[in-house]
């Protein structure tokens, strides 16, 4: 394990995690949305919850938006509200999966009018990104087919490239297009962006500012996600992450709640690549339905902080020596040594250095914030992901 603790602490103080606005609203399953007390009623209140997460963790200063869920009449006012809360607005996420017209797809739909509507929506999101000072438009498509013969694979790909070339041409020079993939659901026969390879090929066709976004829940069981991370980084196309965890599919559970070792291995690869310094975006994508929203988000941020701390503690000299000598178990033990280290005191110190809470969960529960917002937001319609 490395003894360079000053370097580790410096890196941890510089860590930044983006929280998702949609995680603070009510969510559910395919069958129902389950309401909770105190859920925000609008994007302004979502930012207030995100600010509470940042206040206790010190490393979550930006919030991703989802349009139209977070559409407002005055984005300048929303940006000002974020500034007042010590936040900034992050990646803008278009919604291309809820309108009835998108039943057979959005950008890949055989109907040119539907494709035009989808492109117009993304262009609106590009304008939102411009107005709020965001550096990215983050795109996930539900497009695909459910039956053999339903549509032409080649035609769908051509439609997708044509549509996104129009979007890409509209981007300002400092805005990236992040392309997310998902190997199934809701398209169970063929998904138009099913894996990292199809996303990478698309990004290469579009241009240098199109990069791939990796969601930890969007892989088949047994897939080596850290290897995908290395390959995309080597190609110069690793754009960012949606961090969550899963047991079966895209469960969107609290980050690191099911497989913390997997999360550590991803971060170990990121540290080896020096990805945090290369502009890779780190966003949480979590929207399960049984846990209290703000506290769950704090827990996810803490789990990311601890995974990063452990990855920073890996003895890279010893690891490389074991690898070069073919000493399989010695190399594996170097990773285990870092993973099994209790980094909670180290992370608590870093948070205290940042003016945040040494015990974020305890401090949040003691603050009475959840009770106050439950009372203040009792009237009106709570935000939800449908």
Protein backbone atom coordinates (compact mmCIF):
# COMPACT_ATOMS: atom_id res chain seq x y z
CA UNK A 1 0.00 0.00 0.00
CA UNK A 2 1.35 3.43 -0.90
CA UNK A 3 2.73 5.63 1.86
CA UNK A 4 2.22 8.88 -0.07
CA UNK A 5 -0.66 10.07 2.10
CA UNK A 6 -0.27 13.78 1.20
CA UNK A 7 -0.84 12.91 -2.48
CA UNK A 8 -3.84 10.77 -1.58
CA UNK A 9 -5.41 13.53 0.51
CA UNK A 10 -4.78 16.12 -2.21
CA UNK A 11 -6.47 13.91 -4.80
CA UNK A 12 -9.44 13.24 -2.52
CA UNK A 13 -9.93 16.94 -1.86
CA UNK A 14 -10.04 17.50 -5.61
CA UNK A 15 -12.60 14.72 -6.24
CA UNK A 16 -15.87 15.90 -7.77
CA UNK A 17 -19.10 13.95 -8.15
CA UNK A 18 -22.22 15.12 -9.98
CA UNK A 19 -25.61 14.28 -8.52
CA UNK A 20 -28.71 13.75 -10.70
CA UNK A 21 -31.77 15.93 -10.25
CA UNK A 22 -34.09 13.01 -11.05
CA UNK A 23 -32.83 11.05 -8.05
CA UNK A 24 -34.50 13.51 -5.68
CA UNK A 25 -37.98 12.98 -7.10
CA UNK A 26 -40.39 10.12 -6.53
CA UNK A 27 -39.51 6.95 -8.42
CA UNK A 28 -40.79 3.43 -8.72
CA UNK A 29 -40.98 0.28 -10.78
CA UNK A 30 -42.73 -0.52 -14.03
CA UNK A 31 -45.91 -0.89 -11.99
CA UNK A 32 -46.12 2.19 -9.81
CA UNK A 33 -44.36 5.29 -8.50
CA UNK A 34 -44.01 5.38 -4.72
CA UNK A 35 -44.39 8.76 -3.05
CA UNK A 36 -42.23 9.94 -0.16
CA UNK A 37 -42.67 12.96 2.13
CA UNK A 38 -40.57 16.02 1.40
CA UNK A 39 -39.89 15.22 -2.24
CA UNK A 40 -39.13 18.35 -4.31
CA UNK A 41 -41.97 19.83 -6.32
CA UNK A 42 -39.81 21.59 -8.92
CA UNK A 43 -36.20 21.88 -10.12
CA UNK A 44 -35.45 24.70 -7.68
CA UNK A 45 -36.24 22.43 -4.73
CA UNK A 46 -34.25 19.60 -6.31
CA UNK A 47 -31.24 21.91 -6.23
CA UNK A 48 -31.86 22.60 -2.55
CA UNK A 49 -31.69 18.87 -1.83
CA UNK A 50 -28.53 18.55 -3.92
CA UNK A 51 -26.99 21.42 -1.97
CA UNK A 52 -27.68 19.52 1.24
CA UNK A 53 -25.75 16.55 -0.16
CA UNK A 54 -22.85 18.82 -1.08
CA UNK A 55 -22.94 20.57 2.29
CA UNK A 56 -22.32 17.30 4.11
CA UNK A 57 -19.91 15.65 1.65
CA UNK A 58 -17.97 18.59 0.20
CA UNK A 59 -17.40 16.91 -3.18
CA UNK A 60 -20.77 17.09 -4.99
CA UNK A 61 -21.01 20.67 -6.33
CA UNK A 62 -22.80 20.00 -9.64
CA UNK A 63 -26.24 18.71 -10.58
CA UNK A 64 -27.27 17.01 -13.82
CA UNK A 65 -30.63 18.07 -15.27
CA UNK A 66 -33.20 15.98 -17.15
CA UNK A 67 -35.36 17.70 -19.75
CA UNK A 68 -38.37 18.06 -19.81
CA UNK A 69 -38.55 16.96 -16.17
CA UNK A 70 -36.44 19.99 -15.23
CA UNK A 71 -37.74 22.44 -17.83
CA UNK A 72 -38.41 25.89 -16.37
CA UNK A 73 -39.58 29.18 -17.85
CA UNK A 74 -36.44 30.98 -16.72
CA UNK A 75 -33.17 29.04 -16.86
CA UNK A 76 -31.25 32.14 -15.86
CA UNK A 77 -33.16 32.10 -12.57
CA UNK A 78 -32.39 28.40 -12.12
CA UNK A 79 -28.70 29.02 -12.71
CA UNK A 80 -28.75 31.93 -10.25
CA UNK A 81 -30.45 29.70 -7.67
CA UNK A 82 -27.72 27.11 -8.15
CA UNK A 83 -25.05 29.80 -7.68
CA UNK A 84 -26.70 30.95 -4.45
CA UNK A 85 -26.62 27.37 -3.17
CA UNK A 86 -22.96 26.92 -4.04
CA UNK A 87 -23.78 24.61 -6.95
CA UNK A 88 -23.36 24.58 -10.69
CA UNK A 89 -25.54 22.93 -13.32
CA UNK A 90 -24.03 19.88 -14.99
CA UNK A 91 -24.86 17.58 -17.87
CA UNK A 92 -28.18 18.10 -19.65
CA UNK A 93 -30.05 14.85 -20.30
CA UNK A 94 -32.69 14.74 -23.06
CA UNK A 95 -35.74 12.51 -22.59
CA UNK A 96 -36.45 10.47 -25.72
CA UNK A 97 -38.41 7.61 -24.21
CA UNK A 98 -41.71 8.80 -22.75
CA UNK A 99 -43.68 10.38 -25.56
CA UNK A 100 -46.28 8.17 -27.32
CA UNK A 101 -44.65 8.98 -30.66
CA UNK A 102 -41.49 7.22 -29.50
CA UNK A 103 -43.14 3.81 -29.30
CA UNK A 104 -41.04 2.63 -32.26
CA UNK A 105 -38.04 4.77 -31.40
CA UNK A 106 -36.99 8.39 -31.50
CA UNK A 107 -33.89 9.15 -33.57
CA UNK A 108 -34.13 5.74 -35.28
CA UNK A 109 -37.88 5.84 -35.87
CA UNK A 110 -38.97 5.05 -39.44
CA UNK A 111 -41.22 8.14 -39.38
CA UNK A 112 -39.25 11.22 -40.41
CA UNK A 113 -41.62 13.51 -38.48
CA UNK A 114 -40.93 11.64 -35.24
CA UNK A 115 -37.19 11.84 -35.86
CA UNK A 116 -37.50 15.56 -36.47
CA UNK A 117 -39.32 15.99 -33.16
CA UNK A 118 -36.59 14.06 -31.34
CA UNK A 119 -33.84 16.15 -32.93
CA UNK A 120 -35.70 19.35 -32.03
CA UNK A 121 -35.86 18.20 -28.41
CA UNK A 122 -32.13 17.53 -28.27
CA UNK A 123 -31.43 20.90 -29.87
CA UNK A 124 -33.55 22.46 -27.12
CA UNK A 125 -31.33 20.64 -24.60
CA UNK A 126 -28.23 22.00 -26.36
CA UNK A 127 -29.68 25.48 -25.90
CA UNK A 128 -30.36 24.75 -22.24
CA UNK A 129 -26.74 23.61 -21.84
CA UNK A 130 -25.61 26.86 -23.41
CA UNK A 131 -27.80 28.98 -21.13
CA UNK A 132 -26.86 27.29 -17.85
CA UNK A 133 -23.15 26.94 -18.61
CA UNK A 134 -23.15 23.15 -18.85
CA UNK A 135 -20.31 21.35 -20.55
CA UNK A 136 -22.20 18.30 -21.77
CA UNK A 137 -25.36 16.94 -23.31
CA UNK A 138 -25.74 13.33 -22.14
CA UNK A 139 -27.81 11.10 -24.41
CA UNK A 140 -29.42 7.72 -23.72
CA UNK A 141 -31.75 6.19 -26.29
CA UNK A 142 -34.45 3.64 -25.62
CA UNK A 143 -34.48 2.96 -29.36
CA UNK A 144 -34.49 -0.60 -30.65
CA UNK A 145 -36.74 -3.38 -31.87
CA UNK A 146 -38.65 -6.13 -30.11
CA UNK A 147 -39.34 -8.55 -32.98
CA UNK A 148 -37.28 -9.97 -35.84
CA UNK A 149 -38.11 -8.17 -39.04
CA UNK A 150 -39.60 -5.17 -37.24
CA UNK A 151 -37.17 -2.79 -38.94
CA UNK A 152 -33.89 -2.66 -40.84
CA UNK A 153 -30.75 -2.59 -38.67
CA UNK A 154 -28.86 -0.65 -41.34
CA UNK A 155 -31.61 1.87 -41.90
CA UNK A 156 -31.94 2.53 -38.18
CA UNK A 157 -28.20 3.10 -37.91
CA UNK A 158 -28.23 5.49 -40.85
CA UNK A 159 -31.10 7.46 -39.32
CA UNK A 160 -29.27 7.67 -35.99
CA UNK A 161 -26.04 8.96 -37.54
CA UNK A 162 -27.88 11.50 -39.69
CA UNK A 163 -29.84 12.85 -36.71
CA UNK A 164 -26.85 13.10 -34.40
CA UNK A 165 -24.71 14.79 -37.03
CA UNK A 166 -27.23 17.62 -36.96
CA UNK A 167 -27.06 17.69 -33.16
CA UNK A 168 -23.26 17.55 -33.12
CA UNK A 169 -23.01 20.46 -35.53
CA UNK A 170 -25.04 22.60 -33.12
CA UNK A 171 -22.69 22.12 -30.15
CA UNK A 172 -20.57 24.98 -28.90
CA UNK A 173 -16.86 24.32 -28.87
CA UNK A 174 -16.70 23.59 -25.15
CA UNK A 175 -19.74 21.27 -25.02
CA UNK A 176 -19.41 17.50 -25.37
CA UNK A 177 -21.96 14.95 -26.52
CA UNK A 178 -21.89 11.95 -24.20
CA UNK A 179 -23.36 8.79 -25.73
CA UNK A 180 -24.66 6.15 -23.33
CA UNK A 181 -25.34 2.52 -24.20
CA UNK A 182 -27.62 -0.15 -22.75
CA UNK A 183 -27.72 -3.71 -23.96
CA UNK A 184 -31.43 -4.30 -23.36
CA UNK A 185 -34.68 -2.76 -22.08
CA UNK A 186 -37.04 -1.67 -23.46
CA UNK A 187 -35.76 -3.09 -26.77
CA UNK A 188 -35.47 -6.80 -26.06
CA UNK A 189 -34.65 -8.04 -29.56
CA UNK A 190 -32.10 -5.48 -30.71
CA UNK A 191 -31.01 -2.21 -29.11
CA UNK A 192 -29.68 0.51 -31.39
CA UNK A 193 -26.91 1.45 -28.93
CA UNK A 194 -26.44 -1.85 -27.15
CA UNK A 195 -22.81 -1.81 -26.02
CA UNK A 196 -19.61 0.17 -25.73
CA UNK A 197 -18.53 -0.84 -29.24
CA UNK A 198 -21.63 0.51 -30.97
CA UNK A 199 -21.40 3.71 -28.91
CA UNK A 200 -17.70 4.09 -29.73
CA UNK A 201 -18.26 3.61 -33.46
CA UNK A 202 -20.97 6.26 -33.40
CA UNK A 203 -18.77 8.73 -31.53
CA UNK A 204 -15.94 8.16 -34.01
CA UNK A 205 -18.31 8.96 -36.87
CA UNK A 206 -19.51 12.16 -35.21
CA UNK A 207 -16.27 13.83 -34.11
CA UNK A 208 -13.77 14.33 -31.29
CA UNK A 209 -16.25 15.93 -28.87
CA UNK A 210 -18.50 12.86 -28.93
CA UNK A 211 -17.48 10.47 -26.18
CA UNK A 212 -18.89 7.35 -24.55
CA UNK A 213 -20.65 7.34 -21.18
CA UNK A 214 -20.43 4.14 -19.11
CA UNK A 215 -23.36 3.26 -16.82
CA UNK A 216 -22.38 0.53 -14.34
CA UNK A 217 -25.87 -0.98 -14.52
CA UNK A 218 -25.92 -1.34 -18.31
CA UNK A 219 -23.90 -4.53 -18.75
CA UNK A 220 -24.54 -8.24 -18.87
CA UNK A 221 -23.42 -10.30 -15.89
CA UNK A 222 -19.75 -11.15 -16.05
CA UNK A 223 -18.78 -8.25 -18.30
CA UNK A 224 -15.45 -6.72 -17.29
CA UNK A 225 -16.36 -3.06 -16.91
CA UNK A 226 -12.89 -1.91 -15.88
CA UNK A 227 -11.49 -3.39 -19.10
CA UNK A 228 -14.08 -1.43 -21.10
CA UNK A 229 -13.00 1.68 -19.20
CA UNK A 230 -9.37 1.06 -20.19
CA UNK A 231 -10.23 0.46 -23.84
CA UNK A 232 -12.37 3.59 -24.15
CA UNK A 233 -9.75 5.71 -22.42
CA UNK A 234 -7.06 4.37 -24.72
CA UNK A 235 -9.19 5.37 -27.70
CA UNK A 236 -9.60 8.87 -26.24
CA UNK A 237 -13.36 8.40 -25.98
CA UNK A 238 -14.09 7.81 -22.30
CA UNK A 239 -16.48 10.66 -21.55
CA UNK A 240 -17.89 9.81 -18.17
CA UNK A 241 -19.84 7.55 -15.88
CA UNK A 242 -23.28 7.00 -14.49
CA UNK A 243 -22.53 5.35 -11.18
CA UNK A 244 -25.05 3.05 -9.53
CA UNK A 245 -25.27 -0.62 -8.63
CA UNK A 246 -27.40 -3.56 -9.63
CA UNK A 247 -28.28 -7.10 -8.65
CA UNK A 248 -30.01 -8.24 -11.85
CA UNK A 249 -30.33 -5.47 -14.44
CA UNK A 250 -30.52 -1.72 -14.51
CA UNK A 251 -31.62 -1.58 -10.88
CA UNK A 252 -30.22 1.94 -10.18
CA UNK A 253 -29.35 1.01 -6.61
CA UNK A 254 -27.14 3.02 -4.24
CA UNK A 255 -23.59 3.11 -5.63
CA UNK A 256 -21.47 0.25 -4.28
CA UNK A 257 -24.34 -1.32 -2.35
CA UNK A 258 -24.16 -4.71 -4.11
CA UNK A 259 -20.60 -5.06 -5.39
CA UNK A 260 -18.20 -2.61 -3.76
CA UNK A 261 -15.20 -4.55 -5.10
CA UNK A 262 -16.38 -3.92 -8.66
CA UNK A 263 -16.61 -0.20 -7.90
CA UNK A 264 -13.09 -0.28 -6.44
CA UNK A 265 -11.69 -2.04 -9.51
CA UNK A 266 -13.21 0.58 -11.81
CA UNK A 267 -11.63 3.33 -9.73
CA UNK A 268 -8.33 1.47 -9.58
CA UNK A 269 -8.27 1.50 -13.38
CA UNK A 270 -9.24 5.18 -13.46
CA UNK A 271 -6.38 6.06 -11.10
CA UNK A 272 -3.94 4.06 -13.20
CA UNK A 273 -5.07 6.01 -16.27
CA UNK A 274 -5.16 9.36 -14.42
CA UNK A 275 -8.69 9.72 -15.77
CA UNK A 276 -9.87 12.30 -13.20
CA UNK A 277 -7.34 14.74 -14.68
CA UNK A 278 -8.46 13.99 -18.25
CA UNK A 279 -11.89 15.58 -18.05
CA UNK A 280 -13.87 12.38 -17.43
CA UNK A 281 -17.24 13.19 -15.82
CA UNK A 282 -18.38 11.35 -12.69
CA UNK A 283 -22.16 11.38 -12.30
CA UNK A 284 -24.48 9.32 -10.13
CA UNK A 285 -27.53 7.79 -11.81
CA UNK A 286 -29.57 6.39 -8.96
CA UNK A 287 -33.35 6.35 -8.68
CA UNK A 288 -34.58 3.43 -6.67
CA UNK A 289 -37.82 3.65 -4.72
CA UNK A 290 -37.46 2.37 -1.15
CA UNK A 291 -34.80 4.61 0.40
CA UNK A 292 -35.07 8.27 1.51
CA UNK A 293 -33.71 10.38 -1.33
CA UNK A 294 -31.22 12.82 0.17
CA UNK A 295 -29.74 10.35 2.62
CA UNK A 296 -29.37 7.74 -0.12
CA UNK A 297 -27.54 10.24 -2.29
CA UNK A 298 -25.19 11.13 0.55
CA UNK A 299 -24.45 7.42 0.96
CA UNK A 300 -23.65 7.05 -2.74
CA UNK A 301 -21.25 10.00 -2.65
CA UNK A 302 -19.52 8.52 0.41
CA UNK A 303 -19.17 5.16 -1.30
CA UNK A 304 -17.57 6.84 -4.32
CA UNK A 305 -15.22 8.76 -2.06
CA UNK A 306 -14.14 5.60 -0.25
CA UNK A 307 -13.69 3.64 -3.50
CA UNK A 308 -11.48 6.42 -4.85
CA UNK A 309 -9.48 6.56 -1.62
CA UNK A 310 -8.80 2.84 -1.75
CA UNK A 311 -7.79 3.04 -5.40
CA UNK A 312 -5.35 5.84 -4.57
CA UNK A 313 -3.77 3.63 -1.91
CA UNK A 314 -2.83 0.88 -4.36
CA UNK A 315 0.95 0.38 -4.34
CA UNK A 316 1.55 0.88 -8.06
CA UNK A 317 5.27 0.04 -7.86
CA UNK A 318 4.60 -3.29 -6.17
CA UNK A 319 1.71 -4.02 -8.53
CA UNK A 320 3.78 -3.40 -11.64
CA UNK A 321 6.68 -5.47 -10.30
CA UNK A 322 4.38 -8.41 -9.60
CA UNK A 323 2.79 -8.08 -13.05
CA UNK A 324 6.17 -8.01 -14.82
CA UNK A 325 7.32 -11.10 -12.93
CA UNK A 326 4.08 -12.97 -13.63
CA UNK A 327 3.37 -13.24 -9.90
CA UNK A 328 -0.40 -13.55 -10.15
CA UNK A 329 -1.23 -13.81 -6.47
CA UNK A 330 1.17 -11.08 -5.39
CA UNK A 331 -0.44 -8.70 -7.86
CA UNK A 332 -3.91 -9.66 -6.68
CA UNK A 333 -2.89 -9.18 -3.03
CA UNK A 334 -1.69 -5.65 -3.80
CA UNK A 335 -5.22 -4.79 -4.87
CA UNK A 336 -6.79 -6.62 -1.92
CA UNK A 337 -4.49 -4.82 0.50
CA UNK A 338 -5.82 -1.46 -0.68
CA UNK A 339 -9.43 -2.62 -0.94
CA UNK A 340 -9.46 -4.02 2.61
CA UNK A 341 -8.03 -0.83 4.13
CA UNK A 342 -10.42 1.10 6.35
CA UNK A 343 -10.37 4.51 4.66
CA UNK A 344 -13.26 5.99 6.62
CA UNK A 345 -11.02 8.02 8.97
CA UNK A 346 -9.04 9.35 5.99
CA UNK A 347 -12.23 10.38 4.16
CA UNK A 348 -13.63 11.97 7.31
CA UNK A 349 -10.47 14.07 7.62
CA UNK A 350 -10.71 15.15 3.97
CA UNK A 351 -14.35 16.18 4.42
CA UNK A 352 -13.44 18.15 7.53
CA UNK A 353 -10.64 19.86 5.57
CA UNK A 354 -13.26 20.84 2.98
CA UNK A 355 -15.59 22.26 5.64
CA UNK A 356 -18.08 19.41 5.25
CA UNK A 357 -19.26 16.82 7.77
CA UNK A 358 -16.93 14.20 9.18
CA UNK A 359 -20.03 12.03 9.71
CA UNK A 360 -22.38 13.08 6.88
CA UNK A 361 -25.19 10.63 7.58
CA UNK A 362 -25.24 11.39 11.28
CA UNK A 363 -25.03 15.12 10.67
CA UNK A 364 -27.81 15.00 8.08
CA UNK A 365 -30.13 13.06 10.37
CA UNK A 366 -29.41 15.40 13.25
CA UNK A 367 -29.96 18.51 11.11
CA UNK A 368 -33.72 18.03 10.86
CA UNK A 369 -33.59 18.86 7.14
CA UNK A 370 -35.77 15.91 6.10
CA UNK A 371 -38.46 16.86 8.62
CA UNK A 372 -38.39 20.53 7.64
CA UNK A 373 -38.81 19.93 3.93
CA UNK A 374 -41.50 17.31 4.53
CA UNK A 375 -43.53 19.99 6.28
CA UNK A 376 -42.68 22.78 3.84
CA UNK A 377 -43.47 20.67 0.75
CA UNK A 378 -46.64 19.02 2.00
CA UNK A 379 -48.79 20.89 -0.50
CA UNK A 380 -48.52 20.66 -4.26
CA UNK A 381 -47.40 17.97 -6.70
CA UNK A 382 -44.13 16.19 -6.04
CA UNK A 383 -41.68 15.68 -8.87
CA UNK A 384 -41.52 12.15 -10.27
CA UNK A 385 -39.67 10.38 -13.04
CA UNK A 386 -42.81 9.79 -15.11
